[in-house]
Amino acid sequence: MHEGDLLDWLSVAAVAAAAVTASCYAVRLPSRRGGLLLLAAMLAFLAVDDAFGVHERVTSTAAAALGLNARGDILFLLPYL
């Protein structure tokens, strides 16, 4: 995490808990399993990204490789696409 304070960790915990909850509902509701598993995967990715700064690292690496250091901030959407 870039800041690493208590509120950041609580945010990660809340999103991770939502991912676990969606997974549990997927087990209990077979008719909606596909959508709930997709939701769980998306929430898990967001929790990991928030905890470890994945998109910041990917953005800075891609910007350096492309020679866009001044404009590298526009690449922050890359991991989400």
PDB file of N, CA and C in Angstrom:
ATOM      1  N   MET A   1       0.829  -1.189   0.000  1.00  0.00           N
ATOM      2  CA  MET A   1       0.000   0.000   0.000  1.00  0.00           C
ATOM      3  C   MET A   1       0.861   1.235   0.000  1.00  0.00           C
ATOM      4  N   HIS A   2       0.385   2.243  -0.650  1.00  0.00           N
ATOM      5  CA  HIS A   2       1.164   3.455  -0.710  1.00  0.00           C
ATOM      6  C   HIS A   2       1.101   4.241   0.595  1.00  0.00           C
ATOM      7  N   GLU A   3      -0.035   4.363   1.233  1.00  0.00           N
ATOM      8  CA  GLU A   3      -0.104   5.056   2.520  1.00  0.00           C
ATOM      9  C   GLU A   3       0.021   4.066   3.676  1.00  0.00           C
ATOM     10  N   GLY A   4      -0.762   3.030   3.646  1.00  0.00           N
ATOM     11  CA  GLY A   4      -0.670   1.987   4.640  1.00  0.00           C
ATOM     12  C   GLY A   4      -1.263   2.323   5.997  1.00  0.00           C
ATOM     13  N   ASP A   5      -2.128   3.309   6.050  1.00  0.00           N
ATOM     14  CA  ASP A   5      -2.726   3.622   7.344  1.00  0.00           C
ATOM     15  C   ASP A   5      -3.929   2.714   7.609  1.00  0.00           C
ATOM     16  N   LEU A   6      -4.514   2.884   8.769  1.00  0.00           N
ATOM     17  CA  LEU A   6      -5.609   2.015   9.202  1.00  0.00           C
ATOM     18  C   LEU A   6      -6.795   2.053   8.244  1.00  0.00           C
ATOM     19  N   LEU A   7      -7.156   3.226   7.765  1.00  0.00           N
ATOM     20  CA  LEU A   7      -8.308   3.317   6.858  1.00  0.00           C
ATOM     21  C   LEU A   7      -8.056   2.606   5.539  1.00  0.00           C
ATOM     22  N   ASP A   8      -6.823   2.622   5.064  1.00  0.00           N
ATOM     23  CA  ASP A   8      -6.505   1.879   3.841  1.00  0.00           C
ATOM     24  C   ASP A   8      -6.702   0.385   4.057  1.00  0.00           C
ATOM     25  N   TRP A   9      -6.205  -0.121   5.174  1.00  0.00           N
ATOM     26  CA  TRP A   9      -6.346  -1.547   5.452  1.00  0.00           C
ATOM     27  C   TRP A   9      -7.796  -1.934   5.705  1.00  0.00           C
ATOM     28  N   LEU A  10      -8.551  -1.051   6.334  1.00  0.00           N
ATOM     29  CA  LEU A  10      -9.978  -1.334   6.530  1.00  0.00           C
ATOM     30  C   LEU A  10     -10.710  -1.384   5.196  1.00  0.00           C
ATOM     31  N   SER A  11     -10.321  -0.531   4.274  1.00  0.00           N
ATOM     32  CA  SER A  11     -10.915  -0.538   2.941  1.00  0.00           C
ATOM     33  C   SER A  11     -10.614  -1.851   2.222  1.00  0.00           C
ATOM     34  N   VAL A  12      -9.371  -2.299   2.304  1.00  0.00           N
ATOM     35  CA  VAL A  12      -8.990  -3.580   1.694  1.00  0.00           C
ATOM     36  C   VAL A  12      -9.774  -4.715   2.329  1.00  0.00           C
ATOM     37  N   ALA A  13      -9.900  -4.696   3.643  1.00  0.00           N
ATOM     38  CA  ALA A  13     -10.638  -5.753   4.349  1.00  0.00           C
ATOM     39  C   ALA A  13     -12.108  -5.758   3.952  1.00  0.00           C
ATOM     40  N   ALA A  14     -12.703  -4.581   3.784  1.00  0.00           N
ATOM     41  CA  ALA A  14     -14.116  -4.500   3.408  1.00  0.00           C
ATOM     42  C   ALA A  14     -14.344  -5.057   2.008  1.00  0.00           C
ATOM     43  N   VAL A  15     -13.478  -4.726   1.072  1.00  0.00           N
ATOM     44  CA  VAL A  15     -13.639  -5.221  -0.302  1.00  0.00           C
ATOM     45  C   VAL A  15     -13.371  -6.726  -0.353  1.00  0.00           C
ATOM     46  N   ALA A  16     -12.378  -7.185   0.403  1.00  0.00           N
ATOM     47  CA  ALA A  16     -12.112  -8.626   0.458  1.00  0.00           C
ATOM     48  C   ALA A  16     -13.287  -9.374   1.087  1.00  0.00           C
ATOM     49  N   ALA A  17     -13.883  -8.798   2.113  1.00  0.00           N
ATOM     50  CA  ALA A  17     -15.055  -9.427   2.739  1.00  0.00           C
ATOM     51  C   ALA A  17     -16.220  -9.489   1.760  1.00  0.00           C
ATOM     52  N   ALA A  18     -16.380  -8.469   0.954  1.00  0.00           N
ATOM     53  CA  ALA A  18     -17.439  -8.487  -0.059  1.00  0.00           C
ATOM     54  C   ALA A  18     -17.171  -9.585  -1.092  1.00  0.00           C
ATOM     55  N   ALA A  19     -15.912  -9.803  -1.446  1.00  0.00           N
ATOM     56  CA  ALA A  19     -15.566 -10.869  -2.389  1.00  0.00           C
ATOM     57  C   ALA A  19     -15.886 -12.239  -1.788  1.00  0.00           C
ATOM     58  N   VAL A  20     -15.560 -12.426  -0.519  1.00  0.00           N
ATOM     59  CA  VAL A  20     -15.870 -13.694   0.144  1.00  0.00           C
ATOM     60  C   VAL A  20     -17.385 -13.893   0.228  1.00  0.00           C
ATOM     61  N   THR A  21     -18.102 -12.826   0.545  1.00  0.00           N
ATOM     62  CA  THR A  21     -19.561 -12.918   0.626  1.00  0.00           C
ATOM     63  C   THR A  21     -20.176 -13.292  -0.718  1.00  0.00           C
ATOM     64  N   ALA A  22     -19.691 -12.675  -1.785  1.00  0.00           N
ATOM     65  CA  ALA A  22     -20.199 -13.016  -3.116  1.00  0.00           C
ATOM     66  C   ALA A  22     -19.902 -14.476  -3.450  1.00  0.00           C
ATOM     67  N   SER A  23     -18.730 -14.963  -3.041  1.00  0.00           N
ATOM     68  CA  SER A  23     -18.395 -16.374  -3.267  1.00  0.00           C
ATOM     69  C   SER A  23     -19.336 -17.300  -2.502  1.00  0.00           C
ATOM     70  N   CYS A  24     -19.640 -16.935  -1.272  1.00  0.00           N
ATOM     71  CA  CYS A  24     -20.560 -17.754  -0.461  1.00  0.00           C
ATOM     72  C   CYS A  24     -21.960 -17.774  -1.067  1.00  0.00           C
ATOM     73  N   TYR A  25     -22.412 -16.644  -1.554  1.00  0.00           N
ATOM     74  CA  TYR A  25     -23.718 -16.608  -2.202  1.00  0.00           C
ATOM     75  C   TYR A  25     -23.709 -17.429  -3.491  1.00  0.00           C
ATOM     76  N   ALA A  26     -22.582 -17.452  -4.183  1.00  0.00           N
ATOM     77  CA  ALA A  26     -22.489 -18.250  -5.409  1.00  0.00           C
ATOM     78  C   ALA A  26     -22.686 -19.729  -5.109  1.00  0.00           C
ATOM     79  N   VAL A  27     -22.193 -20.171  -3.966  1.00  0.00           N
ATOM     80  CA  VAL A  27     -22.368 -21.570  -3.574  1.00  0.00           C
ATOM     81  C   VAL A  27     -23.830 -21.841  -3.229  1.00  0.00           C
ATOM     82  N   ARG A  28     -24.464 -20.893  -2.581  1.00  0.00           N
ATOM     83  CA  ARG A  28     -25.847 -21.094  -2.123  1.00  0.00           C
ATOM     84  C   ARG A  28     -26.894 -20.862  -3.209  1.00  0.00           C
ATOM     85  N   LEU A  29     -26.559 -20.093  -4.234  1.00  0.00           N
ATOM     86  CA  LEU A  29     -27.524 -19.776  -5.297  1.00  0.00           C
ATOM     87  C   LEU A  29     -27.004 -20.267  -6.648  1.00  0.00           C
ATOM     88  N   PRO A  30     -27.198 -21.543  -6.954  1.00  0.00           N
ATOM     89  CA  PRO A  30     -26.660 -22.087  -8.204  1.00  0.00           C
ATOM     90  C   PRO A  30     -27.193 -21.399  -9.460  1.00  0.00           C
ATOM     91  N   SER A  31     -28.385 -20.860  -9.393  1.00  0.00           N
ATOM     92  CA  SER A  31     -28.950 -20.213 -10.592  1.00  0.00           C
ATOM     93  C   SER A  31     -28.224 -18.908 -10.924  1.00  0.00           C
ATOM     94  N   ARG A  32     -27.557 -18.318  -9.964  1.00  0.00           N
ATOM     95  CA  ARG A  32     -26.831 -17.064 -10.183  1.00  0.00           C
ATOM     96  C   ARG A  32     -25.327 -17.219  -9.984  1.00  0.00           C
ATOM     97  N   ARG A  33     -24.862 -18.441 -10.052  1.00  0.00           N
ATOM     98  CA  ARG A  33     -23.458 -18.734  -9.741  1.00  0.00           C
ATOM     99  C   ARG A  33     -22.473 -17.987 -10.634  1.00  0.00           C
ATOM    100  N   GLY A  34     -22.720 -17.952 -11.925  1.00  0.00           N
ATOM    101  CA  GLY A  34     -21.779 -17.311 -12.849  1.00  0.00           C
ATOM    102  C   GLY A  34     -21.567 -15.838 -12.547  1.00  0.00           C
ATOM    103  N   GLY A  35     -22.653 -15.108 -12.384  1.00  0.00           N
ATOM    104  CA  GLY A  35     -22.553 -13.677 -12.107  1.00  0.00           C
ATOM    105  C   GLY A  35     -21.920 -13.378 -10.761  1.00  0.00           C
ATOM    106  N   LEU A  36     -22.259 -14.192  -9.764  1.00  0.00           N
ATOM    107  CA  LEU A  36     -21.695 -13.977  -8.436  1.00  0.00           C
ATOM    108  C   LEU A  36     -20.209 -14.319  -8.391  1.00  0.00           C
ATOM    109  N   LEU A  37     -19.795 -15.341  -9.119  1.00  0.00           N
ATOM    110  CA  LEU A  37     -18.366 -15.657  -9.171  1.00  0.00           C
ATOM    111  C   LEU A  37     -17.588 -14.579  -9.905  1.00  0.00           C
ATOM    112  N   LEU A  38     -18.181 -14.023 -10.944  1.00  0.00           N
ATOM    113  CA  LEU A  38     -17.540 -12.908 -11.640  1.00  0.00           C
ATOM    114  C   LEU A  38     -17.411 -11.703 -10.712  1.00  0.00           C
ATOM    115  N   LEU A  39     -18.465 -11.400  -9.975  1.00  0.00           N
ATOM    116  CA  LEU A  39     -18.424 -10.306  -9.003  1.00  0.00           C
ATOM    117  C   LEU A  39     -17.354 -10.566  -7.948  1.00  0.00           C
ATOM    118  N   ALA A  40     -17.278 -11.781  -7.448  1.00  0.00           N
ATOM    119  CA  ALA A  40     -16.274 -12.133  -6.439  1.00  0.00           C
ATOM    120  C   ALA A  40     -14.860 -11.950  -6.990  1.00  0.00           C
ATOM    121  N   ALA A  41     -14.642 -12.368  -8.228  1.00  0.00           N
ATOM    122  CA  ALA A  41     -13.317 -12.216  -8.838  1.00  0.00           C
ATOM    123  C   ALA A  41     -12.954 -10.746  -9.021  1.00  0.00           C
ATOM    124  N   MET A  42     -13.911  -9.948  -9.449  1.00  0.00           N
ATOM    125  CA  MET A  42     -13.650  -8.518  -9.633  1.00  0.00           C
ATOM    126  C   MET A  42     -13.337  -7.849  -8.298  1.00  0.00           C
ATOM    127  N   LEU A  43     -14.102  -8.176  -7.272  1.00  0.00           N
ATOM    128  CA  LEU A  43     -13.855  -7.595  -5.957  1.00  0.00           C
ATOM    129  C   LEU A  43     -12.518  -8.049  -5.386  1.00  0.00           C
ATOM    130  N   ALA A  44     -12.168  -9.301  -5.605  1.00  0.00           N
ATOM    131  CA  ALA A  44     -10.874  -9.798  -5.130  1.00  0.00           C
ATOM    132  C   ALA A  44      -9.736  -9.064  -5.827  1.00  0.00           C
ATOM    133  N   PHE A  45      -9.858  -8.845  -7.141  1.00  0.00           N
ATOM    134  CA  PHE A  45      -8.833  -8.091  -7.858  1.00  0.00           C
ATOM    135  C   PHE A  45      -8.702  -6.680  -7.305  1.00  0.00           C
ATOM    136  N   LEU A  46      -9.825  -6.035  -7.044  1.00  0.00           N
ATOM    137  CA  LEU A  46      -9.771  -4.673  -6.493  1.00  0.00           C
ATOM    138  C   LEU A  46      -9.120  -4.654  -5.113  1.00  0.00           C
ATOM    139  N   ALA A  47      -9.384  -5.657  -4.295  1.00  0.00           N
ATOM    140  CA  ALA A  47      -8.763  -5.721  -2.973  1.00  0.00           C
ATOM    141  C   ALA A  47      -7.254  -5.905  -3.092  1.00  0.00           C
ATOM    142  N   VAL A  48      -6.832  -6.807  -3.965  1.00  0.00           N
ATOM    143  CA  VAL A  48      -5.395  -7.036  -4.161  1.00  0.00           C
ATOM    144  C   VAL A  48      -4.736  -5.791  -4.741  1.00  0.00           C
ATOM    145  N   ASP A  49      -5.395  -5.164  -5.693  1.00  0.00           N
ATOM    146  CA  ASP A  49      -4.854  -3.945  -6.289  1.00  0.00           C
ATOM    147  C   ASP A  49      -4.708  -2.851  -5.245  1.00  0.00           C
ATOM    148  N   ASP A  50      -5.701  -2.704  -4.392  1.00  0.00           N
ATOM    149  CA  ASP A  50      -5.641  -1.682  -3.358  1.00  0.00           C
ATOM    150  C   ASP A  50      -4.555  -1.999  -2.333  1.00  0.00           C
ATOM    151  N   ALA A  51      -4.390  -3.258  -2.001  1.00  0.00           N
ATOM    152  CA  ALA A  51      -3.408  -3.649  -0.986  1.00  0.00           C
ATOM    153  C   ALA A  51      -1.968  -3.529  -1.486  1.00  0.00           C
ATOM    154  N   PHE A  52      -1.727  -3.895  -2.736  1.00  0.00           N
ATOM    155  CA  PHE A  52      -0.355  -3.962  -3.234  1.00  0.00           C
ATOM    156  C   PHE A  52      -0.022  -2.916  -4.292  1.00  0.00           C
ATOM    157  N   GLY A  53      -0.967  -2.084  -4.671  1.00  0.00           N
ATOM    158  CA  GLY A  53      -0.699  -1.036  -5.650  1.00  0.00           C
ATOM    159  C   GLY A  53      -0.346  -1.572  -7.026  1.00  0.00           C
ATOM    160  N   VAL A  54      -1.077  -2.598  -7.470  1.00  0.00           N
ATOM    161  CA  VAL A  54      -0.781  -3.236  -8.751  1.00  0.00           C
ATOM    162  C   VAL A  54      -0.838  -2.230  -9.892  1.00  0.00           C
ATOM    163  N   HIS A  55      -1.892  -1.435  -9.958  1.00  0.00           N
ATOM    164  CA  HIS A  55      -2.009  -0.547 -11.110  1.00  0.00           C
ATOM    165  C   HIS A  55      -0.958   0.556 -11.086  1.00  0.00           C
ATOM    166  N   GLU A  56      -0.487   0.967  -9.913  1.00  0.00           N
ATOM    167  CA  GLU A  56       0.587   1.951  -9.873  1.00  0.00           C
ATOM    168  C   GLU A  56       1.882   1.363 -10.426  1.00  0.00           C
ATOM    169  N   ARG A  57       2.167   0.121 -10.071  1.00  0.00           N
ATOM    170  CA  ARG A  57       3.394  -0.525 -10.549  1.00  0.00           C
ATOM    171  C   ARG A  57       3.331  -0.798 -12.045  1.00  0.00           C
ATOM    172  N   VAL A  58       2.192  -1.290 -12.522  1.00  0.00           N
ATOM    173  CA  VAL A  58       2.042  -1.566 -13.951  1.00  0.00           C
ATOM    174  C   VAL A  58       2.133  -0.269 -14.741  1.00  0.00           C
ATOM    175  N   THR A  59       1.497   0.776 -14.229  1.00  0.00           N
ATOM    176  CA  THR A  59       1.513   2.071 -14.912  1.00  0.00           C
ATOM    177  C   THR A  59       2.918   2.631 -15.011  1.00  0.00           C
ATOM    178  N   SER A  60       3.652   2.625 -13.924  1.00  0.00           N
ATOM    179  CA  SER A  60       4.999   3.199 -13.961  1.00  0.00           C
ATOM    180  C   SER A  60       5.933   2.389 -14.854  1.00  0.00           C
ATOM    181  N   THR A  61       5.791   1.058 -14.829  1.00  0.00           N
ATOM    182  CA  THR A  61       6.618   0.215 -15.690  1.00  0.00           C
ATOM    183  C   THR A  61       6.287   0.431 -17.163  1.00  0.00           C
ATOM    184  N   ALA A  62       4.996   0.470 -17.475  1.00  0.00           N
ATOM    185  CA  ALA A  62       4.587   0.687 -18.868  1.00  0.00           C
ATOM    186  C   ALA A  62       4.974   2.073 -19.351  1.00  0.00           C
ATOM    187  N   ALA A  63       4.823   3.090 -18.509  1.00  0.00           N
ATOM    188  CA  ALA A  63       5.184   4.450 -18.894  1.00  0.00           C
ATOM    189  C   ALA A  63       6.681   4.554 -19.152  1.00  0.00           C
ATOM    190  N   ALA A  64       7.490   3.916 -18.318  1.00  0.00           N
ATOM    191  CA  ALA A  64       8.943   3.946 -18.523  1.00  0.00           C
ATOM    192  C   ALA A  64       9.322   3.216 -19.813  1.00  0.00           C
ATOM    193  N   ALA A  65       8.661   2.080 -20.076  1.00  0.00           N
ATOM    194  CA  ALA A  65       8.966   1.319 -21.290  1.00  0.00           C
ATOM    195  C   ALA A  65       8.566   2.069 -22.551  1.00  0.00           C
ATOM    196  N   LEU A  66       7.505   2.846 -22.462  1.00  0.00           N
ATOM    197  CA  LEU A  66       7.022   3.590 -23.627  1.00  0.00           C
ATOM    198  C   LEU A  66       7.601   4.997 -23.719  1.00  0.00           C
ATOM    199  N   GLY A  67       8.385   5.384 -22.736  1.00  0.00           N
ATOM    200  CA  GLY A  67       8.965   6.728 -22.735  1.00  0.00           C
ATOM    201  C   GLY A  67       7.941   7.809 -22.446  1.00  0.00           C
ATOM    202  N   LEU A  68       6.926   7.496 -21.665  1.00  0.00           N
ATOM    203  CA  LEU A  68       5.863   8.446 -21.346  1.00  0.00           C
ATOM    204  C   LEU A  68       5.909   8.880 -19.883  1.00  0.00           C
ATOM    205  N   ASN A  69       7.077   9.054 -19.343  1.00  0.00           N
ATOM    206  CA  ASN A  69       7.180   9.339 -17.916  1.00  0.00           C
ATOM    207  C   ASN A  69       6.348  10.532 -17.484  1.00  0.00           C
ATOM    208  N   ALA A  70       6.279  11.566 -18.285  1.00  0.00           N
ATOM    209  CA  ALA A  70       5.501  12.755 -17.919  1.00  0.00           C
ATOM    210  C   ALA A  70       4.004  12.495 -18.035  1.00  0.00           C
ATOM    211  N   ARG A  71       3.613  11.612 -18.947  1.00  0.00           N
ATOM    212  CA  ARG A  71       2.189  11.346 -19.178  1.00  0.00           C
ATOM    213  C   ARG A  71       1.786   9.949 -18.742  1.00  0.00           C
ATOM    214  N   GLY A  72       2.542   9.339 -17.885  1.00  0.00           N
ATOM    215  CA  GLY A  72       2.284   7.971 -17.462  1.00  0.00           C
ATOM    216  C   GLY A  72       1.003   7.795 -16.680  1.00  0.00           C
ATOM    217  N   ASP A  73       0.480   8.876 -16.113  1.00  0.00           N
ATOM    218  CA  ASP A  73      -0.736   8.765 -15.321  1.00  0.00           C
ATOM    219  C   ASP A  73      -1.945   8.323 -16.137  1.00  0.00           C
ATOM    220  N   ILE A  74      -1.932   8.561 -17.437  1.00  0.00           N
ATOM    221  CA  ILE A  74      -3.078   8.160 -18.254  1.00  0.00           C
ATOM    222  C   ILE A  74      -3.147   6.648 -18.442  1.00  0.00           C
ATOM    223  N   LEU A  75      -2.070   5.944 -18.097  1.00  0.00           N
ATOM    224  CA  LEU A  75      -2.043   4.499 -18.251  1.00  0.00           C
ATOM    225  C   LEU A  75      -2.628   3.758 -17.051  1.00  0.00           C
ATOM    226  N   PHE A  76      -3.129   4.494 -16.045  1.00  0.00           N
ATOM    227  CA  PHE A  76      -3.612   3.831 -14.839  1.00  0.00           C
ATOM    228  C   PHE A  76      -4.791   2.911 -15.109  1.00  0.00           C
ATOM    229  N   LEU A  77      -5.468   3.100 -16.211  1.00  0.00           N
ATOM    230  CA  LEU A  77      -6.609   2.235 -16.550  1.00  0.00           C
ATOM    231  C   LEU A  77      -6.184   0.916 -17.156  1.00  0.00           C
ATOM    232  N   LEU A  78      -4.929   0.774 -17.527  1.00  0.00           N
ATOM    233  CA  LEU A  78      -4.446  -0.424 -18.211  1.00  0.00           C
ATOM    234  C   LEU A  78      -4.808  -1.725 -17.502  1.00  0.00           C
ATOM    235  N   PRO A  79      -4.555  -1.876 -16.206  1.00  0.00           N
ATOM    236  CA  PRO A  79      -4.919  -3.148 -15.573  1.00  0.00           C
ATOM    237  C   PRO A  79      -6.414  -3.415 -15.550  1.00  0.00           C
ATOM    238  N   TYR A  80      -7.236  -2.367 -15.590  1.00  0.00           N
ATOM    239  CA  TYR A  80      -8.672  -2.550 -15.516  1.00  0.00           C
ATOM    240  C   TYR A  80      -9.288  -2.879 -16.870  1.00  0.00           C
ATOM    241  N   LEU A  81      -8.579  -2.621 -17.942  1.00  0.00           N
ATOM    242  CA  LEU A  81      -9.102  -2.943 -19.263  1.00  0.00           C
ATOM    243  C   LEU A  81      -8.907  -4.414 -19.545  1.00  0.00           C
TER     244      LEU A  81
END
